[in-house]
Protein backbone atom coordinates (compact mmCIF):
# COMPACT_ATOMS: atom_id res chain seq x y z
CA MET A 1 -0.44 -24.69 -0.66
CA MET A 2 -1.16 -21.37 1.05
CA GLN A 3 0.85 -18.38 -0.20
CA ASP A 4 0.94 -14.65 0.44
CA LEU A 5 0.46 -12.57 -2.70
CA ARG A 6 3.01 -10.00 -1.47
CA ASP A 7 5.77 -12.62 -1.18
CA ALA A 8 5.15 -13.61 -4.78
CA VAL A 9 5.22 -10.03 -6.02
CA ILE A 10 8.46 -9.12 -4.23
CA ALA A 11 10.16 -12.34 -5.41
CA THR A 12 9.13 -11.43 -8.94
CA LEU A 13 10.62 -7.94 -8.58
CA VAL A 14 13.90 -9.45 -7.32
CA THR A 15 14.08 -11.85 -10.25
CA ALA A 16 13.21 -9.13 -12.77
CA GLN A 17 15.92 -6.81 -11.43
CA GLN A 18 18.48 -9.63 -11.49
CA GLN A 19 17.55 -10.27 -15.13
CA GLY A 20 18.16 -6.69 -16.15
CA ALA A 21 15.01 -4.73 -15.42
CA ASP A 22 15.63 -1.18 -14.24
CA LEU A 23 13.36 -0.99 -11.19
CA SER A 24 12.87 1.24 -8.17
CA VAL A 25 10.43 0.59 -5.31
CA MET A 26 9.02 3.36 -3.11
CA VAL A 27 7.32 2.76 0.21
CA ALA A 28 5.61 5.10 2.68
CA ASP A 29 6.82 3.75 6.01
CA SER A 30 5.37 0.49 4.75
CA THR A 31 8.42 -1.78 4.66
CA SER A 32 6.73 -4.49 6.74
CA THR A 33 3.35 -4.15 5.05
CA SER A 34 4.93 -4.47 1.61
CA LYS A 35 7.27 -7.30 2.72
CA ILE A 36 9.94 -5.51 0.67
CA ALA A 37 12.87 -6.88 2.73
CA PRO A 38 14.16 -9.41 0.13
CA PHE A 39 14.30 -6.78 -2.59
CA GLU A 40 15.80 -4.16 -0.28
CA SER A 41 18.45 -6.62 0.90
CA ALA A 42 19.44 -7.43 -2.66
CA PHE A 43 19.19 -3.86 -4.05
CA PRO A 44 19.27 -1.40 -1.15
CA GLU A 45 19.93 1.58 -3.41
CA ARG A 46 16.71 0.91 -5.32
CA VAL A 47 14.30 1.21 -2.37
CA ILE A 48 13.21 4.63 -1.17
CA ASN A 49 11.20 5.01 2.06
CA VAL A 50 9.60 8.44 2.07
CA GLY A 51 7.98 7.97 5.50
CA ILE A 52 4.30 8.63 6.12
CA ALA A 53 4.03 10.92 3.12
CA GLU A 54 2.02 9.18 0.42
CA GLN A 55 1.59 12.31 -1.72
CA ASN A 56 5.37 12.74 -1.84
CA MET A 57 5.84 9.08 -2.63
CA VAL A 58 3.55 9.18 -5.68
CA GLY A 59 4.99 12.46 -6.94
CA MET A 60 8.58 11.22 -6.50
CA ALA A 61 7.69 7.92 -8.21
CA ALA A 62 6.49 9.85 -11.27
CA GLY A 63 9.74 11.85 -11.29
CA VAL A 64 11.93 8.78 -11.06
CA ALA A 65 9.87 7.09 -13.81
CA LEU A 66 10.55 10.07 -16.08
CA SER A 67 14.28 9.32 -15.69
CA GLY A 68 13.70 5.99 -17.38
CA ARG A 69 13.14 3.54 -14.56
CA THR A 70 10.11 1.36 -13.96
CA VAL A 71 8.81 2.37 -10.52
CA PHE A 72 6.66 0.43 -8.10
CA THR A 73 4.94 2.08 -5.14
CA ALA A 74 3.94 -0.25 -2.29
CA ASN A 75 1.78 0.96 0.53
CA ALA A 76 -1.60 0.50 2.16
CA ALA A 77 -4.39 0.91 -0.39
CA PRO A 78 -6.65 3.17 1.80
CA PHE A 79 -3.86 5.73 2.18
CA LEU A 80 -2.70 5.47 -1.44
CA PHE A 81 -6.16 6.51 -2.63
CA ALA A 82 -7.23 8.83 0.17
CA ARG A 83 -4.06 10.86 0.53
CA SER A 84 -2.44 10.89 -2.89
CA ASN A 85 -5.41 10.94 -5.25
CA GLU A 86 -4.39 14.21 -6.87
CA GLN A 87 -0.85 13.01 -7.46
CA MET A 88 -2.17 9.70 -8.87
CA LYS A 89 -4.47 11.60 -11.23
CA ASN A 90 -2.05 14.29 -12.44
CA ASP A 91 1.50 12.98 -12.00
CA ILE A 92 0.90 9.37 -12.95
CA CYS A 93 -2.30 8.87 -14.95
CA TYR A 94 -2.73 12.20 -16.80
CA SER A 95 1.02 12.31 -17.46
CA ASN A 96 1.01 8.60 -18.40
CA THR A 97 4.18 7.87 -16.42
CA ASN A 98 5.61 4.40 -15.99
CA VAL A 99 4.52 3.81 -12.36
CA LYS A 100 2.95 0.66 -10.98
CA MET A 101 0.98 1.06 -7.74
CA LEU A 102 0.57 -1.84 -5.34
CA GLY A 103 -2.48 -1.24 -3.14
CA LEU A 104 -1.79 -3.38 -0.07
CA ASN A 105 -4.31 -4.59 2.53
CA ALA A 106 -7.27 -3.70 0.35
CA GLY A 107 -10.87 -4.33 1.36
CA PHE A 108 -11.40 -5.42 5.00
CA ALA A 109 -7.80 -6.57 5.44
CA TYR A 110 -7.18 -4.23 8.40
CA GLY A 111 -10.20 -5.71 10.19
CA PRO A 112 -10.50 -4.22 13.71
CA LEU A 113 -8.87 -0.93 12.67
CA GLY A 114 -12.19 -0.01 11.15
CA ALA A 115 -13.47 2.37 8.47
CA THR A 116 -10.39 4.63 8.48
CA HIS A 117 -8.27 1.67 7.34
CA HIS A 118 -10.72 -0.28 5.21
CA CYS A 119 -10.17 0.38 1.51
CA MET A 120 -13.62 -0.03 -0.02
CA ASN A 121 -13.57 2.46 -2.93
CA ASP A 122 -10.22 2.00 -4.70
CA ILE A 123 -11.71 0.32 -7.80
CA ALA A 124 -14.32 3.04 -8.11
CA ILE A 125 -11.65 5.74 -8.00
CA ALA A 126 -9.23 3.86 -10.21
CA ARG A 127 -11.96 3.42 -12.88
CA SER A 128 -12.34 7.20 -13.02
CA LEU A 129 -8.65 7.76 -13.93
CA GLY A 130 -7.50 7.70 -17.52
CA ASN A 131 -4.58 5.59 -18.79
CA LEU A 132 -4.73 3.32 -15.73
CA GLN A 133 -4.83 -0.47 -16.04
CA ILE A 134 -6.48 -2.20 -13.04
CA PHE A 135 -5.82 -5.72 -11.75
CA ALA A 136 -6.89 -7.79 -8.74
CA PRO A 137 -5.06 -11.15 -8.48
CA ALA A 138 -6.71 -14.13 -6.77
CA ASP A 139 -3.58 -16.03 -5.79
CA ALA A 140 0.19 -15.77 -5.60
CA ILE A 141 0.95 -17.29 -9.01
CA GLN A 142 -1.47 -14.85 -10.65
CA ALA A 143 -0.03 -11.93 -8.66
CA SER A 144 3.46 -12.85 -9.92
CA ALA A 145 2.23 -13.11 -13.52
CA ILE A 146 0.45 -9.74 -13.30
CA THR A 147 3.62 -8.17 -11.88
CA ARG A 148 5.67 -9.45 -14.82
CA TYR A 149 3.06 -8.03 -17.17
CA ALA A 150 3.10 -4.68 -15.30
CA ILE A 151 6.91 -4.45 -15.64
CA ALA A 152 6.64 -4.95 -19.41
CA HIS A 153 3.69 -2.59 -19.84
CA PRO A 154 4.86 1.00 -20.45
CA GLY A 155 2.29 2.91 -18.46
CA PRO A 156 0.32 3.29 -15.21
CA VAL A 157 -0.90 0.16 -13.44
CA TYR A 158 -2.83 -0.40 -10.20
CA ILE A 159 -2.71 -3.85 -8.57
CA ARG A 160 -5.20 -4.47 -5.77
CA MET A 161 -3.44 -6.70 -3.27
CA ASP A 162 -4.72 -9.00 -0.55
CA SER A 163 -2.67 -9.56 2.60
CA ASP A 164 -3.84 -13.06 3.55
CA LYS A 165 -2.30 -16.35 2.63
CA VAL A 166 -4.63 -18.12 0.24
CA PRO A 167 -4.53 -21.42 -1.65
CA LEU A 168 -3.15 -21.55 -5.15
CA LEU A 169 -5.68 -21.67 -7.98
CA HIS A 170 -3.09 -21.88 -10.71
CA ASP A 171 0.01 -23.95 -11.51
CA GLU A 172 3.39 -23.10 -13.01
CA HIS A 173 1.96 -23.31 -16.52
CA TYR A 174 -0.45 -20.37 -15.93
CA GLN A 175 -0.30 -17.60 -18.48
CA PHE A 176 -1.89 -14.27 -17.61
CA VAL A 177 -3.90 -12.68 -20.43
CA PRO A 178 -4.97 -9.08 -19.78
CA GLY A 179 -8.72 -8.68 -19.91
CA LYS A 180 -9.53 -12.40 -19.94
CA PRO A 181 -12.20 -13.67 -17.51
CA GLU A 182 -11.17 -16.90 -15.83
CA VAL A 183 -13.75 -19.66 -15.46
CA LEU A 184 -12.85 -21.59 -12.33
CA GLN A 185 -15.94 -23.80 -12.30
CA HIS A 186 -18.60 -24.56 -14.92
CA GLY A 187 -22.26 -24.77 -13.96
CA GLN A 188 -25.76 -23.80 -15.05
CA GLU A 189 -28.31 -21.07 -14.51
CA THR A 190 -26.11 -18.81 -12.30
CA VAL A 191 -22.76 -17.22 -13.05
CA VAL A 192 -20.81 -15.70 -10.12
CA PHE A 193 -18.19 -13.04 -10.90
CA CYS A 194 -15.61 -12.56 -8.17
CA LEU A 195 -13.16 -9.78 -7.38
CA GLY A 196 -9.70 -10.88 -6.23
CA THR A 197 -9.44 -13.44 -3.48
CA LEU A 198 -13.23 -13.73 -3.08
CA ALA A 199 -12.93 -16.41 -5.72
CA HIS A 200 -11.83 -18.67 -2.83
CA GLU A 201 -15.06 -17.90 -0.94
CA ALA A 202 -17.12 -18.72 -4.02
CA LEU A 203 -15.33 -22.04 -4.47
CA ALA A 204 -15.70 -22.82 -0.75
CA ALA A 205 -19.46 -22.49 -1.07
CA ASN A 206 -19.27 -25.91 -2.73
CA GLN A 207 -22.18 -25.29 -5.11
CA GLN A 208 -21.52 -27.50 -8.11
CA ASN A 209 -24.37 -26.09 -10.21
CA ILE A 210 -22.95 -22.55 -10.59
CA THR A 211 -20.33 -21.08 -12.89
CA ILE A 212 -17.60 -19.25 -10.98
CA VAL A 213 -15.57 -16.60 -12.80
CA SER A 214 -12.59 -14.67 -11.52
CA LEU A 215 -11.95 -11.25 -13.07
CA PRO A 216 -8.26 -10.50 -12.31
CA SER A 217 -8.21 -7.84 -15.04
CA LEU A 218 -10.85 -5.10 -14.64
CA HIS A 219 -9.28 -2.74 -17.16
CA PRO A 220 -8.60 -3.89 -19.80
CA LEU A 221 -11.59 -6.23 -19.83
CA ASP A 222 -12.71 -8.52 -22.61
CA THR A 223 -16.35 -7.43 -22.45
CA GLN A 224 -17.35 -9.72 -25.31
CA ALA A 225 -16.13 -12.76 -23.36
CA VAL A 226 -17.92 -11.53 -20.23
CA ARG A 227 -21.17 -10.97 -22.15
CA LYS A 228 -20.90 -14.46 -23.59
CA LEU A 229 -20.65 -15.90 -20.09
CA ILE A 230 -23.61 -13.86 -18.92
CA ALA A 231 -25.71 -14.83 -21.95
CA ALA A 232 -25.26 -18.54 -21.11
CA HIS A 233 -26.96 -18.09 -17.72
CA GLN A 234 -30.24 -16.90 -16.32
CA ARG A 235 -28.85 -15.16 -13.24
CA VAL A 236 -25.71 -13.14 -12.43
CA ILE A 237 -24.13 -12.63 -8.99
CA THR A 238 -21.13 -10.42 -8.22
CA MET A 239 -18.99 -10.68 -5.09
CA GLU A 240 -16.57 -7.93 -4.06
CA GLU A 241 -14.86 -6.73 -0.93
CA HIS A 242 -15.65 -3.18 -2.10
CA VAL A 243 -18.53 -0.74 -2.10
CA LEU A 244 -21.22 -1.62 -4.60
CA SER A 245 -21.11 1.77 -6.30
CA GLY A 246 -18.35 1.86 -8.89
CA GLY A 247 -16.87 -1.58 -8.36
CA LEU A 248 -17.35 -5.01 -9.90
CA GLY A 249 -21.15 -4.95 -9.56
CA SER A 250 -21.22 -1.66 -11.40
CA ILE A 251 -19.00 -3.01 -14.18
CA ILE A 252 -21.30 -5.98 -14.77
CA GLY A 253 -24.45 -3.90 -14.34
CA GLU A 254 -23.22 -1.41 -16.94
CA LEU A 255 -22.62 -4.23 -19.41
CA LEU A 256 -26.12 -5.63 -18.84
CA HIS A 257 -27.63 -2.19 -19.42
CA GLN A 258 -25.53 -1.22 -22.41
CA HIS A 259 -26.30 -4.44 -24.27
CA GLY A 260 -29.91 -4.87 -23.26
CA MET A 261 -29.28 -8.11 -21.42
CA ARG A 262 -32.17 -9.27 -19.21
CA GLN A 263 -30.46 -11.59 -16.72
CA ARG A 264 -31.25 -10.88 -13.07
CA LEU A 265 -28.28 -9.23 -11.32
CA ILE A 266 -27.53 -9.70 -7.60
CA THR A 267 -24.64 -7.66 -6.23
CA LEU A 268 -22.89 -8.62 -3.01
CA GLY A 269 -20.59 -6.16 -1.24
CA LEU A 270 -20.70 -3.05 0.95
CA PRO A 271 -23.93 -1.12 0.28
CA PRO A 272 -23.48 2.44 -1.06
CA TYR A 273 -23.51 5.37 1.40
CA GLU A 274 -22.39 3.22 4.33
CA PHE A 275 -19.24 2.97 6.46
CA THR A 276 -17.80 -0.26 7.72
CA HIS A 277 -17.00 -0.82 11.40
CA SER A 278 -14.32 -2.46 13.52
CA SER A 279 -14.50 -6.24 13.34
CA SER A 280 -12.60 -9.23 12.05
CA ARG A 281 -12.34 -9.63 8.34
CA ALA A 282 -14.24 -12.93 8.53
CA ALA A 283 -17.09 -11.27 10.46
CA LEU A 284 -17.25 -8.41 7.95
CA ARG A 285 -17.37 -10.77 5.03
CA ARG A 286 -20.13 -12.66 6.78
CA GLN A 287 -22.07 -9.45 7.48
CA PHE A 288 -22.08 -8.43 3.83
CA SER A 289 -22.69 -11.98 2.50
CA ILE A 290 -19.41 -12.17 0.63
CA ASP A 291 -18.25 -15.37 2.29
CA ALA A 292 -19.05 -18.95 1.32
CA GLU A 293 -22.15 -19.15 3.53
CA GLY A 294 -23.38 -15.78 2.30
CA LEU A 295 -23.18 -16.99 -1.29
CA ARG A 296 -25.02 -20.22 -0.40
CA GLN A 297 -27.86 -18.24 1.24
CA THR A 298 -28.00 -15.81 -1.68
CA LEU A 299 -28.37 -18.71 -4.12
CA GLN A 300 -31.13 -20.26 -2.00
CA ARG A 301 -33.06 -16.98 -1.91
CA ALA A 302 -32.58 -16.52 -5.65
CA GLU A 303 -33.95 -19.98 -6.37
CA LEU A 304 -36.99 -19.32 -4.17
CA HIS A 305 -37.55 -16.04 -5.96
CA ALA A 306 -37.39 -17.83 -9.33
CA VAL A 307 -39.96 -20.38 -8.21
CA SER A 308 -42.34 -17.78 -6.87
């Protein structure tokens, strides 16, 4: 079944409010992008649309959170990070306010709109902010579970959201554990760590001899469990719809360096110091080898390198 992560998140917010949570949702002229309509229909007084004013949205969210409510912001990830970075840093993270930020249409989701709308550095920025927990769900069930966790967690949260409908990787029995790496497929020699919905591309590569790991929780992260997975393999590949400086590849590379691990690391994503261009998301994923075929070709080159 194909499901949109946003539908799952909004349905979770509706249920939580009905069950007694004290929520508010703020959008920045992003009612359609956030798919907030079901929540707004049920609780119109709890949705605030500030217009195209992301800085105001984040500052106001912090203020409302200080009144005792749990506040979600829901807007396009590129504008959340580019326009309201100071407010995120000072009003939410430094002040440790109870605000949960949904970064919508992350990565190449805006496709032909190009570099101005592609959000390729949100994880790098988020990792530089104190007190902020960072998540990137891979399917709708996981997005719902992370949202429930975020509501219960008394502090800042960033959730990197995809905008495509993707297949379900989990069933109704799934339990989200913050920090836990998820092994989606067991293999040998190579372990592939995936950010968000790129787990679907890794699985679509149909390479039965590799271990595929989704990392829905980037901070907190069970680094001991990640190191154990790395240690069981000779080669490590990371896949992210994000710039390679400061994202998933950096997280894994830092662990390898800090713990003196000697596995070969191959990072797939947008190279540092480059801009993207206007194209379809599928074409951009293909260009940067973060689709199923790109992973297959990367594995073939890695095996040739090992033989030589």
